[in-house]
Structures are given as C-alpha cells and as structure tokens.
Amino acid sequence: MSTKEIDIKNGRAFPEPFRFYLLIGIICISTIAAGEYIGFGFLLIPILGITARRGTQFRGEEYRRYFSVLGLKFGSWEQVKEGEDLVLLGLHMSSQFGSYGGLLSTKEEKVWTLYLVDSKHRNKRDLGISLHKEELTQRAMEVVANSSLELVPYAPVISQQTQSRKRR
C-alpha cells in the first residue's frame, strides 16, 4: 500500500464570508478614526473566519476530518475499521428565502456526499461534499487505490422484523 496523502476539501467552514469582510471594514475605519492603531490586532478575528476550511485527509489506512485555520490543519487521525466502505450519495437540498414584501424564492440543488459507512451501512461519517459527482468519484477512486476501502452502492441491511413491519 502506498502512503500517498489524499486531501478531500469540503470548502469554507463559514460559507457566507460577507460578515467577516464587513467586520474588517468596521475595524479599519474605527481604528483609523480613533487613532488607536493597536486596534488593528482585532483584525485577527475576521481573518481567522475567512481562512477557516474543512476537509478530510487519507494516508493509507488512516484518515482525519480536519478543521484548518490559516492553512494549519487540526484534527486527530483515526484508523479505518474492518468492514468499512465508501458510499457516494446524492442529496437534494432546497432552501426557501422570503422578504418583508411577501416574495418567496426557492433554491434547489443536488449535493453529492462521500460517506464512510460501517458493514451494515447504518453509521455514516461524511468525508466530502461537492456539487459535482465526478470530483468526488475521482477522489474516492484515489482513496480506494491507496487503502483497503471499496466504493460500494448504499444498501443498508434490513432485518426480517423491519421487513415484516413494512408489509402490514
């Protein structure tokens, strides 16, 4: 097995950075207006928010889900357990927006998520999120090539008791 490191980036930790840009503007203007230039130290807070990212790293049979700030990744390494597999699922997401005038708009998109599942496909840990299936499929194939994991279709085991309950 290779020890190649594979990085699956999930994007920003705070997907709407406008509030941080606004905070930078307020800090800069108020610091210059007050003449207290030590106030520029408060710029560290919005800079940390703008640079915050999430992702997953694979290194052989180990992985970590990380949170990075200023390029420094924080997260503990975990071992891939026996019988775990990768599953790629498409999720339909919809968001509704309204205004005081009564206008309502809906935004719908399909988001693809890569999960690490146990042998019964009941416990899922999300590893990657993307709008493009090809991107996650490519990353999953890289992980499969460097570890004992396999990319399988999602098929949870349904017990006999559950099947009989559904037939009623």
Protein backbone atom coordinates (compact mmCIF):
# COMPACT_ATOMS: atom_id res chain seq x y z
CA MET A 1 0.00 0.00 0.00
CA SER A 2 1.17 3.49 -0.81
CA THR A 3 1.38 6.21 1.82
CA LYS A 4 0.23 8.91 -0.60
CA GLU A 5 -1.79 11.58 1.14
CA ILE A 6 -5.18 12.38 -0.39
CA ASP A 7 -6.97 15.58 0.60
CA ILE A 8 -10.73 15.98 0.11
CA LYS A 9 -11.64 19.64 0.60
CA ASN A 10 -15.14 20.45 1.81
CA GLY A 11 -14.90 24.20 1.41
CA ARG A 12 -15.27 27.05 3.85
CA ALA A 13 -16.29 26.49 7.45
CA PHE A 14 -18.31 29.72 7.21
CA PRO A 15 -19.80 29.74 3.69
CA GLU A 16 -21.01 33.36 3.85
CA PRO A 17 -17.85 35.50 4.31
CA PHE A 18 -19.58 38.87 3.87
CA ARG A 19 -19.92 39.38 7.63
CA PHE A 20 -16.15 38.97 8.03
CA TYR A 21 -15.43 41.50 5.26
CA LEU A 22 -17.87 43.89 6.92
CA LEU A 23 -16.11 43.37 10.26
CA ILE A 24 -12.73 44.12 8.63
CA GLY A 25 -14.13 47.39 7.26
CA ILE A 26 -15.59 48.43 10.62
CA ILE A 27 -12.36 47.63 12.47
CA CYS A 28 -10.20 49.52 9.96
CA ILE A 29 -12.41 52.61 9.87
CA SER A 30 -12.90 52.81 13.65
CA THR A 31 -9.20 52.21 14.37
CA ILE A 32 -8.08 54.95 11.96
CA ALA A 33 -10.78 57.36 13.19
CA ALA A 34 -9.83 56.81 16.84
CA GLY A 35 -6.09 56.93 16.15
CA GLU A 36 -5.53 53.85 18.32
CA TYR A 37 -3.60 51.69 15.89
CA ILE A 38 -3.30 48.84 18.34
CA GLY A 39 -6.93 48.15 17.39
CA PHE A 40 -5.66 46.54 14.19
CA GLY A 41 -4.95 43.49 16.38
CA PHE A 42 -8.68 42.79 16.29
CA LEU A 43 -8.32 42.09 12.54
CA LEU A 44 -7.14 38.61 13.52
CA ILE A 45 -10.74 37.58 14.32
CA PRO A 46 -12.25 38.10 10.83
CA ILE A 47 -9.07 36.81 9.15
CA LEU A 48 -9.43 33.56 11.08
CA GLY A 49 -13.07 33.34 9.96
CA ILE A 50 -12.22 33.95 6.30
CA THR A 51 -9.42 31.35 6.23
CA ALA A 52 -11.33 28.61 8.10
CA ARG A 53 -11.81 25.46 5.99
CA ARG A 54 -13.00 21.86 6.48
CA GLY A 55 -11.85 18.68 4.82
CA THR A 56 -10.65 15.09 5.12
CA GLN A 57 -7.18 13.62 4.66
CA PHE A 58 -6.39 10.00 3.88
CA ARG A 59 -2.99 8.44 4.40
CA GLY A 60 -3.06 4.69 3.75
CA GLU A 61 -5.36 3.11 6.34
CA GLU A 62 -5.67 6.32 8.39
CA TYR A 63 -7.90 9.33 7.91
CA ARG A 64 -8.71 12.55 9.70
CA ARG A 65 -11.51 15.01 9.36
CA TYR A 66 -9.86 18.36 9.88
CA PHE A 67 -10.62 21.99 10.51
CA SER A 68 -7.95 24.36 9.16
CA VAL A 69 -7.24 27.97 10.02
CA LEU A 70 -4.53 29.94 8.19
CA GLY A 71 -3.54 26.67 6.49
CA LEU A 72 -2.90 24.81 9.78
CA LYS A 73 -4.94 21.61 9.97
CA PHE A 74 -6.43 20.48 13.28
CA GLY A 75 -7.92 17.02 13.79
CA SER A 76 -6.99 13.61 15.11
CA TRP A 77 -6.03 10.65 12.93
CA GLU A 78 -8.29 7.60 13.06
CA GLN A 79 -7.76 4.08 11.81
CA VAL A 80 -10.10 2.61 9.16
CA LYS A 81 -12.02 -0.22 10.85
CA GLU A 82 -12.61 -3.69 9.47
CA GLY A 83 -15.63 -3.89 7.14
CA GLU A 84 -15.93 -0.16 6.45
CA ASP A 85 -16.60 1.06 2.90
CA LEU A 86 -17.10 4.27 0.96
CA VAL A 87 -20.56 5.28 -0.28
CA LEU A 88 -21.46 8.15 -2.59
CA LEU A 89 -24.96 9.59 -2.10
CA GLY A 90 -26.77 12.40 -3.87
CA LEU A 91 -28.87 14.65 -1.67
CA HIS A 92 -31.49 17.09 -2.94
CA MET A 93 -31.22 20.31 -0.95
CA SER A 94 -33.76 23.12 -1.06
CA SER A 95 -33.74 26.48 0.68
CA GLN A 96 -36.58 28.98 0.83
CA PHE A 97 -36.00 32.71 1.10
CA GLY A 98 -38.61 35.30 1.95
CA SER A 99 -38.81 39.05 2.35
CA TYR A 100 -40.99 41.53 4.14
CA GLY A 101 -42.84 42.16 0.89
CA GLY A 102 -44.01 38.56 0.83
CA LEU A 103 -41.80 37.42 -2.05
CA LEU A 104 -40.69 33.84 -1.71
CA SER A 105 -37.98 32.14 -3.71
CA THR A 106 -36.70 28.62 -3.54
CA LYS A 107 -33.20 27.46 -4.34
CA GLU A 108 -32.78 23.77 -5.12
CA GLU A 109 -29.54 21.94 -5.77
CA LYS A 110 -28.21 18.41 -5.72
CA VAL A 111 -25.23 17.92 -3.43
CA TRP A 112 -23.09 14.79 -3.57
CA THR A 113 -21.66 13.47 -0.31
CA LEU A 114 -18.99 10.82 0.22
CA TYR A 115 -19.54 8.77 3.37
CA LEU A 116 -17.51 6.22 5.30
CA VAL A 117 -20.01 3.56 6.41
CA ASP A 118 -19.82 0.51 8.65
CA SER A 119 -20.60 -3.03 7.45
CA LYS A 120 -24.39 -2.60 7.91
CA HIS A 121 -24.38 0.90 6.31
CA ARG A 122 -26.10 2.34 9.38
CA ASN A 123 -23.36 4.56 10.82
CA LYS A 124 -22.20 7.18 8.30
CA ARG A 125 -19.37 9.70 8.61
CA ASP A 126 -19.28 12.34 5.91
CA LEU A 127 -15.88 12.74 4.28
CA GLY A 128 -16.52 15.04 1.35
CA ILE A 129 -19.20 17.28 -0.14
CA SER A 130 -19.37 18.54 -3.71
CA LEU A 131 -21.83 19.76 -6.32
CA HIS A 132 -20.10 17.57 -8.92
CA LYS A 133 -20.30 13.79 -8.73
CA GLU A 134 -17.22 13.29 -10.92
CA GLU A 135 -15.00 15.19 -8.49
CA LEU A 136 -15.95 13.02 -5.52
CA THR A 137 -15.83 9.83 -7.60
CA GLN A 138 -12.28 10.67 -8.63
CA ARG A 139 -11.25 11.30 -5.01
CA ALA A 140 -12.94 8.08 -3.90
CA MET A 141 -11.03 6.10 -6.54
CA GLU A 142 -7.75 7.60 -5.29
CA VAL A 143 -8.64 6.52 -1.74
CA VAL A 144 -9.62 3.02 -2.96
CA ALA A 145 -6.29 2.68 -4.78
CA ASN A 146 -4.31 3.56 -1.63
CA SER A 147 -6.28 1.68 1.04
CA SER A 148 -8.40 -1.40 1.64
CA LEU A 149 -11.65 0.58 1.31
CA GLU A 150 -14.06 -0.02 -1.57
CA LEU A 151 -16.63 2.25 -3.21
CA VAL A 152 -19.94 0.39 -2.91
CA PRO A 153 -23.59 1.31 -3.53
CA TYR A 154 -25.62 2.29 -0.48
CA ALA A 155 -27.53 -0.80 0.65
CA PRO A 156 -28.34 -0.92 4.36
CA VAL A 157 -29.20 -4.30 5.81
CA ILE A 158 -32.93 -4.53 6.61
CA SER A 159 -33.79 -7.01 9.33
CA GLN A 160 -36.59 -9.54 8.96
CA GLN A 161 -38.53 -7.80 11.72
CA THR A 162 -38.42 -4.48 9.83
CA GLN A 163 -39.43 -6.13 6.56
CA SER A 164 -42.47 -7.77 8.18
CA ARG A 165 -43.46 -4.47 9.80
CA LYS A 166 -43.36 -2.72 6.41
CA ARG A 167 -45.65 -5.32 4.83
CA ARG A 168 -48.52 -4.62 7.23
